[in-house]
N, C-alpha and C. Protein backbone atom coordinates (compact mmCIF):
# COMPACT_ATOMS: atom_id res chain seq x y z
N UNK A 1 0.92 -0.87 0.05
CA UNK A 1 -0.06 0.00 -0.10
C UNK A 1 0.79 1.29 0.05
N UNK A 2 0.70 2.13 -0.86
CA UNK A 2 1.58 3.40 -1.17
C UNK A 2 1.22 4.27 0.10
N UNK A 3 1.88 5.46 0.51
CA UNK A 3 1.64 6.09 1.41
C UNK A 3 0.36 7.01 1.55
N UNK A 4 -0.18 7.40 0.21
CA UNK A 4 -1.35 8.12 0.27
C UNK A 4 -2.48 7.25 0.54
N UNK A 5 -2.40 6.00 0.00
CA UNK A 5 -3.63 5.15 0.23
C UNK A 5 -3.44 4.80 1.80
N UNK A 6 -2.42 4.63 2.23
CA UNK A 6 -2.21 4.32 3.92
C UNK A 6 -2.79 5.45 4.70
N UNK A 7 -2.47 6.64 4.30
CA UNK A 7 -2.94 7.82 5.45
C UNK A 7 -4.46 7.85 5.03
N UNK A 8 -4.90 7.52 3.97
CA UNK A 8 -6.45 7.47 3.61
C UNK A 8 -7.20 6.29 4.38
N UNK A 9 -6.59 5.02 4.46
CA UNK A 9 -7.30 4.25 5.21
C UNK A 9 -7.10 4.33 6.63
N UNK A 10 -5.93 4.98 7.25
CA UNK A 10 -5.78 5.07 8.70
C UNK A 10 -6.86 6.21 8.76
N UNK A 11 -6.93 7.23 7.99
CA UNK A 11 -7.86 8.26 8.62
C UNK A 11 -9.56 7.66 8.43
N UNK A 12 -9.73 6.78 7.40
CA UNK A 12 -11.16 6.31 7.49
C UNK A 12 -11.20 5.51 8.82
N UNK A 13 -10.28 4.85 9.20
CA UNK A 13 -10.35 3.97 10.26
C UNK A 13 -10.82 4.74 11.52
N UNK A 14 -9.97 5.89 11.58
CA UNK A 14 -10.20 6.85 12.97
C UNK A 14 -11.69 7.52 12.65
N UNK A 15 -12.17 7.86 11.54
CA UNK A 15 -13.51 8.32 11.42
C UNK A 15 -14.76 7.46 11.63
N UNK A 16 -14.26 6.13 11.17
CA UNK A 16 -15.34 5.08 11.57
C UNK A 16 -15.44 4.81 12.97
N UNK A 17 -14.40 4.78 13.41
CA UNK A 17 -14.24 4.63 14.90
C UNK A 17 -15.06 5.59 15.71
N UNK A 18 -14.73 6.93 15.31
CA UNK A 18 -15.90 8.03 16.04
C UNK A 18 -17.08 7.80 15.63
N UNK A 19 -17.67 7.35 14.62
CA UNK A 19 -18.89 7.16 14.29
C UNK A 19 -19.47 6.05 15.01
N UNK A 20 -18.92 5.03 15.34
CA UNK A 20 -19.06 4.01 16.25
C UNK A 20 -19.48 4.47 17.77
N UNK A 21 -18.58 5.30 18.12
CA UNK A 21 -18.81 6.12 19.38
C UNK A 21 -20.01 6.75 19.39
N UNK A 22 -20.44 7.59 18.20
CA UNK A 22 -21.57 8.52 18.23
C UNK A 22 -22.79 7.82 18.22
N UNK A 23 -22.75 6.29 17.78
CA UNK A 23 -23.98 5.47 17.67
C UNK A 23 -23.91 4.51 18.80
N UNK A 24 -23.36 4.86 19.89
CA UNK A 24 -23.32 3.84 21.03
C UNK A 24 -24.87 4.07 21.53
N UNK A 25 -25.02 3.02 22.32
CA UNK A 25 -26.51 2.78 23.04
C UNK A 25 -26.87 3.99 23.99
N UNK A 26 -28.07 4.47 23.45
CA UNK A 26 -28.32 5.64 24.66
C UNK A 26 -27.49 6.87 24.38
N UNK A 27 -26.82 6.94 23.10
CA UNK A 27 -26.50 8.32 22.72
C UNK A 27 -27.19 9.08 22.08
N UNK A 28 -26.77 10.19 21.75
CA UNK A 28 -27.68 11.29 21.34
C UNK A 28 -28.50 10.65 19.78
N UNK A 29 -27.55 9.97 19.10
CA UNK A 29 -28.17 9.61 17.87
C UNK A 29 -29.11 8.39 18.14
N UNK A 30 -28.59 7.48 19.08
CA UNK A 30 -29.59 6.25 19.12
C UNK A 30 -30.92 6.63 19.74
N UNK A 31 -30.87 7.88 20.45
CA UNK A 31 -32.14 8.18 21.06
C UNK A 31 -33.20 8.59 19.77
N UNK A 32 -32.80 9.04 18.64
CA UNK A 32 -33.29 9.64 17.58
C UNK A 32 -34.07 8.55 17.00
N UNK A 33 -33.24 7.51 16.48
CA UNK A 33 -33.84 6.38 15.88
C UNK A 33 -33.08 5.12 16.14
N UNK A 34 -33.46 4.26 16.94
CA UNK A 34 -32.44 3.16 17.81
C UNK A 34 -32.19 2.21 16.53
N UNK A 35 -33.10 1.86 15.81
CA UNK A 35 -33.15 0.60 15.04
C UNK A 35 -32.15 1.07 13.72
N UNK A 36 -32.27 2.18 13.22
CA UNK A 36 -31.09 2.66 12.05
C UNK A 36 -29.94 2.78 12.59
N UNK A 37 -29.75 3.50 13.74
CA UNK A 37 -28.37 3.74 14.50
C UNK A 37 -27.84 2.43 14.80
N UNK A 38 -28.64 1.57 15.39
CA UNK A 38 -28.01 0.29 15.59
C UNK A 38 -27.39 -0.65 14.35
N UNK A 39 -28.33 -0.32 13.23
CA UNK A 39 -27.51 -0.85 12.07
C UNK A 39 -26.40 -0.20 11.45
N UNK A 40 -26.34 1.14 11.66
CA UNK A 40 -25.16 1.86 11.27
C UNK A 40 -23.86 1.58 12.22
N UNK A 41 -24.41 1.17 13.34
CA UNK A 41 -23.15 0.93 14.17
C UNK A 41 -22.64 -0.72 13.83
N UNK A 42 -23.62 -1.61 13.60
CA UNK A 42 -23.10 -2.99 13.46
C UNK A 42 -22.02 -2.79 11.95
N UNK A 43 -22.60 -1.85 11.07
CA UNK A 43 -22.06 -1.94 9.81
C UNK A 43 -20.73 -1.22 9.87
N UNK A 44 -20.86 -0.32 10.87
CA UNK A 44 -19.40 0.29 10.85
C UNK A 44 -18.37 -0.50 11.58
N UNK A 45 -18.83 -1.27 12.75
CA UNK A 45 -17.91 -2.23 13.33
C UNK A 45 -17.26 -3.41 12.33
N UNK A 46 -18.19 -3.60 11.35
CA UNK A 46 -17.97 -4.77 10.37
C UNK A 46 -16.70 -3.93 9.50
N UNK A 47 -16.98 -2.56 9.24
CA UNK A 47 -16.03 -1.99 8.26
C UNK A 47 -14.60 -1.76 9.03
N UNK A 48 -14.64 -1.35 10.47
CA UNK A 48 -13.68 -1.55 10.92
C UNK A 48 -12.82 -2.72 11.00
N UNK A 49 -13.24 -3.94 11.21
CA UNK A 49 -12.90 -5.22 10.94
C UNK A 49 -12.16 -5.44 9.63
N UNK A 50 -12.85 -5.08 8.61
CA UNK A 50 -12.48 -4.96 7.34
C UNK A 50 -11.10 -4.37 7.34
N UNK A 51 -10.97 -2.84 7.69
CA UNK A 51 -9.89 -2.29 7.41
C UNK A 51 -8.74 -2.75 8.17
N UNK A 52 -8.93 -3.32 9.46
CA UNK A 52 -7.88 -4.03 9.97
C UNK A 52 -7.19 -5.11 9.27
N UNK A 53 -8.07 -5.97 8.80
CA UNK A 53 -7.60 -6.96 7.80
C UNK A 53 -6.76 -6.63 6.64
N UNK A 54 -7.39 -5.23 6.07
CA UNK A 54 -6.86 -4.74 4.79
C UNK A 54 -5.11 -4.45 5.10
N UNK A 55 -5.13 -3.68 6.38
CA UNK A 55 -3.87 -3.19 6.69
C UNK A 55 -2.94 -4.32 7.02
N UNK A 56 -3.44 -5.30 7.76
CA UNK A 56 -2.76 -6.55 7.83
C UNK A 56 -2.08 -7.26 6.83
N UNK A 57 -2.93 -7.22 5.84
CA UNK A 57 -2.59 -7.94 4.59
C UNK A 57 -1.82 -7.28 3.52
N UNK A 58 -1.92 -5.72 3.43
CA UNK A 58 -1.26 -5.06 2.53
C UNK A 58 -0.16 -4.08 3.15
N UNK A 59 0.13 -3.85 4.38
CA UNK A 59 0.88 -3.13 5.08
C UNK A 59 2.33 -4.06 5.13
N UNK A 60 3.26 -3.59 4.71
CA UNK A 60 4.74 -4.46 4.88
C UNK A 60 4.78 -4.16 6.69
N UNK A 61 5.35 -5.39 7.18
CA UNK A 61 5.57 -5.61 8.51
C UNK A 61 6.68 -4.63 8.92
N UNK A 62 6.37 -4.01 10.24
CA UNK A 62 7.45 -3.01 10.84
C UNK A 62 8.68 -3.72 11.24
N UNK A 63 9.73 -3.00 10.90
CA UNK A 63 11.12 -3.67 11.12
C UNK A 63 11.38 -3.26 12.72
N UNK A 64 11.69 -4.40 13.41
CA UNK A 64 12.09 -4.12 14.66
C UNK A 64 13.54 -3.79 14.97
N UNK A 65 13.90 -2.96 15.56
CA UNK A 65 15.53 -2.42 15.81
C UNK A 65 16.07 -2.88 16.90
């Protein structure tokens, strides 16, 4: 993965993580529409897992000095 793509993936991972936090149970979004917010939360968690797998597979291992 090149540097530009790596930055995009990392930024997306952070943004999706924030979305999961905003969609937590009994949070401000959850109170507005629990069903759709729960769906967004589940989908976002799935995306986070996919991003971790992508990074694991495509980023070179870090060298240990």
